Amino acid sequence: MFGLTEAQEQLLEQKVQGQGSEIMKLKILLSVFRRVEPLAKKQSEGKIKITGEESDGI
């Protein structure tokens, strides 16, 4: 539903440690979104540039 890759799905499954709770997975994804959204806004405003490369210093 979220368009996650298989690798992302596996990482998410590891985070919930086999509990398999769909609500726990949703809470983790929402937590990530809350952290990424302000960065995405700043990037779209041209205030920062994030490429996902190690050299970004993030």
PDB file of N, CA and C in Angstrom:
ATOM      1  N   MET A   1       0.820  -1.185   0.000  1.00  0.00           N
ATOM      2  CA  MET A   1       0.000   0.000   0.000  1.00  0.00           C
ATOM      3  C   MET A   1       0.872   1.259   0.000  1.00  0.00           C
ATOM      4  N   PHE A   2       2.015   1.240   0.678  1.00  0.00           N
ATOM      5  CA  PHE A   2       2.884   2.404   0.739  1.00  0.00           C
ATOM      6  C   PHE A   2       3.922   2.401  -0.371  1.00  0.00           C
ATOM      7  N   GLY A   3       3.975   1.363  -1.154  1.00  0.00           N
ATOM      8  CA  GLY A   3       4.938   1.288  -2.235  1.00  0.00           C
ATOM      9  C   GLY A   3       6.358   1.035  -1.759  1.00  0.00           C
ATOM     10  N   LEU A   4       6.492   0.315  -0.655  1.00  0.00           N
ATOM     11  CA  LEU A   4       7.814   0.003  -0.120  1.00  0.00           C
ATOM     12  C   LEU A   4       8.467  -1.113  -0.919  1.00  0.00           C
ATOM     13  N   THR A   5       9.788  -1.072  -0.991  1.00  0.00           N
ATOM     14  CA  THR A   5      10.511  -2.160  -1.647  1.00  0.00           C
ATOM     15  C   THR A   5      10.528  -3.373  -0.712  1.00  0.00           C
ATOM     16  N   GLU A   6      10.935  -4.483  -1.253  1.00  0.00           N
ATOM     17  CA  GLU A   6      11.032  -5.703  -0.439  1.00  0.00           C
ATOM     18  C   GLU A   6      12.030  -5.508   0.702  1.00  0.00           C
ATOM     19  N   ALA A   7      13.154  -4.828   0.389  1.00  0.00           N
ATOM     20  CA  ALA A   7      14.173  -4.575   1.418  1.00  0.00           C
ATOM     21  C   ALA A   7      13.610  -3.678   2.529  1.00  0.00           C
ATOM     22  N   GLN A   8      12.837  -2.678   2.153  1.00  0.00           N
ATOM     23  CA  GLN A   8      12.228  -1.795   3.153  1.00  0.00           C
ATOM     24  C   GLN A   8      11.220  -2.553   4.009  1.00  0.00           C
ATOM     25  N   GLU A   9      10.450  -3.418   3.369  1.00  0.00           N
ATOM     26  CA  GLU A   9       9.485  -4.255   4.104  1.00  0.00           C
ATOM     27  C   GLU A   9      10.202  -5.138   5.122  1.00  0.00           C
ATOM     28  N   GLN A  10      11.335  -5.720   4.714  1.00  0.00           N
ATOM     29  CA  GLN A  10      12.093  -6.589   5.617  1.00  0.00           C
ATOM     30  C   GLN A  10      12.648  -5.802   6.802  1.00  0.00           C
ATOM     31  N   LEU A  11      13.161  -4.592   6.545  1.00  0.00           N
ATOM     32  CA  LEU A  11      13.664  -3.760   7.635  1.00  0.00           C
ATOM     33  C   LEU A  11      12.549  -3.395   8.607  1.00  0.00           C
ATOM     34  N   LEU A  12      11.395  -3.071   8.063  1.00  0.00           N
ATOM     35  CA  LEU A  12      10.256  -2.727   8.911  1.00  0.00           C
ATOM     36  C   LEU A  12       9.836  -3.927   9.746  1.00  0.00           C
ATOM     37  N   GLU A  13       9.846  -5.089   9.145  1.00  0.00           N
ATOM     38  CA  GLU A  13       9.496  -6.321   9.864  1.00  0.00           C
ATOM     39  C   GLU A  13      10.490  -6.588  10.991  1.00  0.00           C
ATOM     40  N   GLN A  14      11.777  -6.314  10.750  1.00  0.00           N
ATOM     41  CA  GLN A  14      12.791  -6.490  11.791  1.00  0.00           C
ATOM     42  C   GLN A  14      12.548  -5.523  12.945  1.00  0.00           C
ATOM     43  N   LYS A  15      12.115  -4.311  12.637  1.00  0.00           N
ATOM     44  CA  LYS A  15      11.884  -3.298  13.676  1.00  0.00           C
ATOM     45  C   LYS A  15      10.751  -3.707  14.611  1.00  0.00           C
ATOM     46  N   VAL A  16       9.729  -4.350  14.075  1.00  0.00           N
ATOM     47  CA  VAL A  16       8.628  -4.779  14.942  1.00  0.00           C
ATOM     48  C   VAL A  16       8.919  -6.144  15.555  1.00  0.00           C
ATOM     49  N   GLN A  17      10.076  -6.689  15.246  1.00  0.00           N
ATOM     50  CA  GLN A  17      10.599  -7.932  15.820  1.00  0.00           C
ATOM     51  C   GLN A  17       9.598  -9.078  15.787  1.00  0.00           C
ATOM     52  N   GLY A  18       9.024  -9.265  14.602  1.00  0.00           N
ATOM     53  CA  GLY A  18       8.143 -10.402  14.414  1.00  0.00           C
ATOM     54  C   GLY A  18       6.789 -10.291  15.078  1.00  0.00           C
ATOM     55  N   GLN A  19       6.504  -9.160  15.712  1.00  0.00           N
ATOM     56  CA  GLN A  19       5.189  -8.991  16.332  1.00  0.00           C
ATOM     57  C   GLN A  19       4.112  -8.968  15.258  1.00  0.00           C
ATOM     58  N   GLY A  20       4.506  -8.524  14.058  1.00  0.00           N
ATOM     59  CA  GLY A  20       3.583  -8.554  12.934  1.00  0.00           C
ATOM     60  C   GLY A  20       2.436  -7.581  13.049  1.00  0.00           C
ATOM     61  N   SER A  21       2.503  -6.715  14.020  1.00  0.00           N
ATOM     62  CA  SER A  21       1.409  -5.781  14.221  1.00  0.00           C
ATOM     63  C   SER A  21       1.410  -4.718  13.133  1.00  0.00           C
ATOM     64  N   GLU A  22       0.342  -4.665  12.377  1.00  0.00           N
ATOM     65  CA  GLU A  22       0.214  -3.660  11.324  1.00  0.00           C
ATOM     66  C   GLU A  22       0.188  -2.250  11.922  1.00  0.00           C
ATOM     67  N   ILE A  23      -0.353  -2.117  13.106  1.00  0.00           N
ATOM     68  CA  ILE A  23      -0.389  -0.802  13.754  1.00  0.00           C
ATOM     69  C   ILE A  23       1.012  -0.356  14.135  1.00  0.00           C
ATOM     70  N   MET A  24       1.849  -1.266  14.598  1.00  0.00           N
ATOM     71  CA  MET A  24       3.233  -0.913  14.926  1.00  0.00           C
ATOM     72  C   MET A  24       3.984  -0.466  13.676  1.00  0.00           C
ATOM     73  N   LYS A  25       3.768  -1.149  12.581  1.00  0.00           N
ATOM     74  CA  LYS A  25       4.412  -0.770  11.322  1.00  0.00           C
ATOM     75  C   LYS A  25       3.949   0.623  10.892  1.00  0.00           C
ATOM     76  N   LEU A  26       2.661   0.884  11.009  1.00  0.00           N
ATOM     77  CA  LEU A  26       2.121   2.195  10.646  1.00  0.00           C
ATOM     78  C   LEU A  26       2.706   3.290  11.525  1.00  0.00           C
ATOM     79  N   LYS A  27       2.831   3.022  12.816  1.00  0.00           N
ATOM     80  CA  LYS A  27       3.405   4.012  13.735  1.00  0.00           C
ATOM     81  C   LYS A  27       4.848   4.335  13.363  1.00  0.00           C
ATOM     82  N   ILE A  28       5.613   3.330  12.969  1.00  0.00           N
ATOM     83  CA  ILE A  28       6.999   3.550  12.562  1.00  0.00           C
ATOM     84  C   ILE A  28       7.049   4.396  11.294  1.00  0.00           C
ATOM     85  N   LEU A  29       6.214   4.067  10.313  1.00  0.00           N
ATOM     86  CA  LEU A  29       6.196   4.828   9.067  1.00  0.00           C
ATOM     87  C   LEU A  29       5.777   6.280   9.300  1.00  0.00           C
ATOM     88  N   LEU A  30       4.807   6.504  10.161  1.00  0.00           N
ATOM     89  CA  LEU A  30       4.383   7.873  10.471  1.00  0.00           C
ATOM     90  C   LEU A  30       5.478   8.634  11.200  1.00  0.00           C
ATOM     91  N   SER A  31       6.227   7.950  12.038  1.00  0.00           N
ATOM     92  CA  SER A  31       7.344   8.572  12.738  1.00  0.00           C
ATOM     93  C   SER A  31       8.406   9.044  11.753  1.00  0.00           C
ATOM     94  N   VAL A  32       8.698   8.206  10.768  1.00  0.00           N
ATOM     95  CA  VAL A  32       9.670   8.577   9.736  1.00  0.00           C
ATOM     96  C   VAL A  32       9.145   9.778   8.946  1.00  0.00           C
ATOM     97  N   PHE A  33       7.868   9.755   8.585  1.00  0.00           N
ATOM     98  CA  PHE A  33       7.284  10.851   7.815  1.00  0.00           C
ATOM     99  C   PHE A  33       7.389  12.172   8.564  1.00  0.00           C
ATOM    100  N   ARG A  34       7.114  12.147   9.875  1.00  0.00           N
ATOM    101  CA  ARG A  34       7.186  13.380  10.671  1.00  0.00           C
ATOM    102  C   ARG A  34       8.590  13.973  10.645  1.00  0.00           C
ATOM    103  N   ARG A  35       9.591  13.139  10.560  1.00  0.00           N
ATOM    104  CA  ARG A  35      10.975  13.624  10.535  1.00  0.00           C
ATOM    105  C   ARG A  35      11.407  14.067   9.142  1.00  0.00           C
ATOM    106  N   VAL A  36      10.884  13.428   8.115  1.00  0.00           N
ATOM    107  CA  VAL A  36      11.302  13.707   6.744  1.00  0.00           C
ATOM    108  C   VAL A  36      10.555  14.906   6.153  1.00  0.00           C
ATOM    109  N   GLU A  37       9.307  15.082   6.527  1.00  0.00           N
ATOM    110  CA  GLU A  37       8.495  16.145   5.928  1.00  0.00           C
ATOM    111  C   GLU A  37       9.129  17.536   6.038  1.00  0.00           C
ATOM    112  N   PRO A  38       9.619  17.968   7.223  1.00  0.00           N
ATOM    113  CA  PRO A  38      10.235  19.300   7.296  1.00  0.00           C
ATOM    114  C   PRO A  38      11.482  19.418   6.418  1.00  0.00           C
ATOM    115  N   LEU A  39      12.253  18.338   6.296  1.00  0.00           N
ATOM    116  CA  LEU A  39      13.429  18.355   5.439  1.00  0.00           C
ATOM    117  C   LEU A  39      13.024  18.485   3.971  1.00  0.00           C
ATOM    118  N   ALA A  40      11.982  17.785   3.584  1.00  0.00           N
ATOM    119  CA  ALA A  40      11.507  17.854   2.200  1.00  0.00           C
ATOM    120  C   ALA A  40      11.015  19.264   1.868  1.00  0.00           C
ATOM    121  N   LYS A  41      10.343  19.905   2.818  1.00  0.00           N
ATOM    122  CA  LYS A  41       9.878  21.277   2.591  1.00  0.00           C
ATOM    123  C   LYS A  41      11.049  22.228   2.407  1.00  0.00           C
ATOM    124  N   LYS A  42      12.065  22.105   3.255  1.00  0.00           N
ATOM    125  CA  LYS A  42      13.248  22.964   3.139  1.00  0.00           C
ATOM    126  C   LYS A  42      13.965  22.726   1.818  1.00  0.00           C
ATOM    127  N   GLN A  43      14.022  21.485   1.372  1.00  0.00           N
ATOM    128  CA  GLN A  43      14.681  21.188   0.107  1.00  0.00           C
ATOM    129  C   GLN A  43      13.883  21.791  -1.049  1.00  0.00           C
ATOM    130  N   SER A  44      12.556  21.700  -0.998  1.00  0.00           N
ATOM    131  CA  SER A  44      11.756  22.257  -2.092  1.00  0.00           C
ATOM    132  C   SER A  44      11.846  23.783  -2.131  1.00  0.00           C
ATOM    133  N   GLU A  45      12.136  24.407  -0.983  1.00  0.00           N
ATOM    134  CA  GLU A  45      12.322  25.856  -0.922  1.00  0.00           C
ATOM    135  C   GLU A  45      13.738  26.261  -1.314  1.00  0.00           C
ATOM    136  N   GLY A  46      14.600  25.280  -1.556  1.00  0.00           N
ATOM    137  CA  GLY A  46      15.977  25.552  -1.948  1.00  0.00           C
ATOM    138  C   GLY A  46      16.882  25.922  -0.787  1.00  0.00           C
ATOM    139  N   LYS A  47      16.444  25.676   0.435  1.00  0.00           N
ATOM    140  CA  LYS A  47      17.240  26.031   1.613  1.00  0.00           C
ATOM    141  C   LYS A  47      18.296  24.982   1.945  1.00  0.00           C
ATOM    142  N   ILE A  48      18.038  23.730   1.578  1.00  0.00           N
ATOM    143  CA  ILE A  48      19.015  22.663   1.780  1.00  0.00           C
ATOM    144  C   ILE A  48      18.991  21.760   0.550  1.00  0.00           C
ATOM    145  N   LYS A  49      20.037  20.970   0.400  1.00  0.00           N
ATOM    146  CA  LYS A  49      20.085  20.002  -0.697  1.00  0.00           C
ATOM    147  C   LYS A  49      20.487  18.659  -0.115  1.00  0.00           C
ATOM    148  N   ILE A  50      19.586  17.703  -0.193  1.00  0.00           N
ATOM    149  CA  ILE A  50      19.829  16.361   0.317  1.00  0.00           C
ATOM    150  C   ILE A  50      19.799  15.419  -0.879  1.00  0.00           C
ATOM    151  N   THR A  51      20.893  14.711  -1.069  1.00  0.00           N
ATOM    152  CA  THR A  51      20.972  13.793  -2.195  1.00  0.00           C
ATOM    153  C   THR A  51      20.913  12.331  -1.762  1.00  0.00           C
ATOM    154  N   GLY A  52      21.040  12.085  -0.462  1.00  0.00           N
ATOM    155  CA  GLY A  52      21.057  10.717   0.039  1.00  0.00           C
ATOM    156  C   GLY A  52      22.434  10.094  -0.025  1.00  0.00           C
ATOM    157  N   GLU A  53      23.427  10.892  -0.373  1.00  0.00           N
ATOM    158  CA  GLU A  53      24.790  10.397  -0.420  1.00  0.00           C
ATOM    159  C   GLU A  53      25.467  10.647   0.907  1.00  0.00           C
ATOM    160  N   GLU A  54      26.447   9.842   1.187  1.00  0.00           N
ATOM    161  CA  GLU A  54      27.166   9.920   2.463  1.00  0.00           C
ATOM    162  C   GLU A  54      27.816  11.288   2.674  1.00  0.00           C
ATOM    163  N   SER A  55      28.188  11.940   1.598  1.00  0.00           N
ATOM    164  CA  SER A  55      28.889  13.227   1.692  1.00  0.00           C
ATOM    165  C   SER A  55      27.980  14.369   2.142  1.00  0.00           C
ATOM    166  N   ASP A  56      26.682  14.121   2.252  1.00  0.00           N
ATOM    167  CA  ASP A  56      25.747  15.160   2.689  1.00  0.00           C
ATOM    168  C   ASP A  56      26.009  15.583   4.128  1.00  0.00           C
ATOM    169  N   GLY A  57      26.710  14.771   4.874  1.00  0.00           N
ATOM    170  CA  GLY A  57      27.007  15.110   6.264  1.00  0.00           C
ATOM    171  C   GLY A  57      25.833  14.907   7.192  1.00  0.00           C
ATOM    172  N   ILE A  58      24.856  14.168   6.751  1.00  0.00           N
ATOM    173  CA  ILE A  58      23.677  13.930   7.587  1.00  0.00           C
ATOM    174  C   ILE A  58      23.784  12.571   8.218  1.00  0.00           C
TER     175      ILE A  58
END
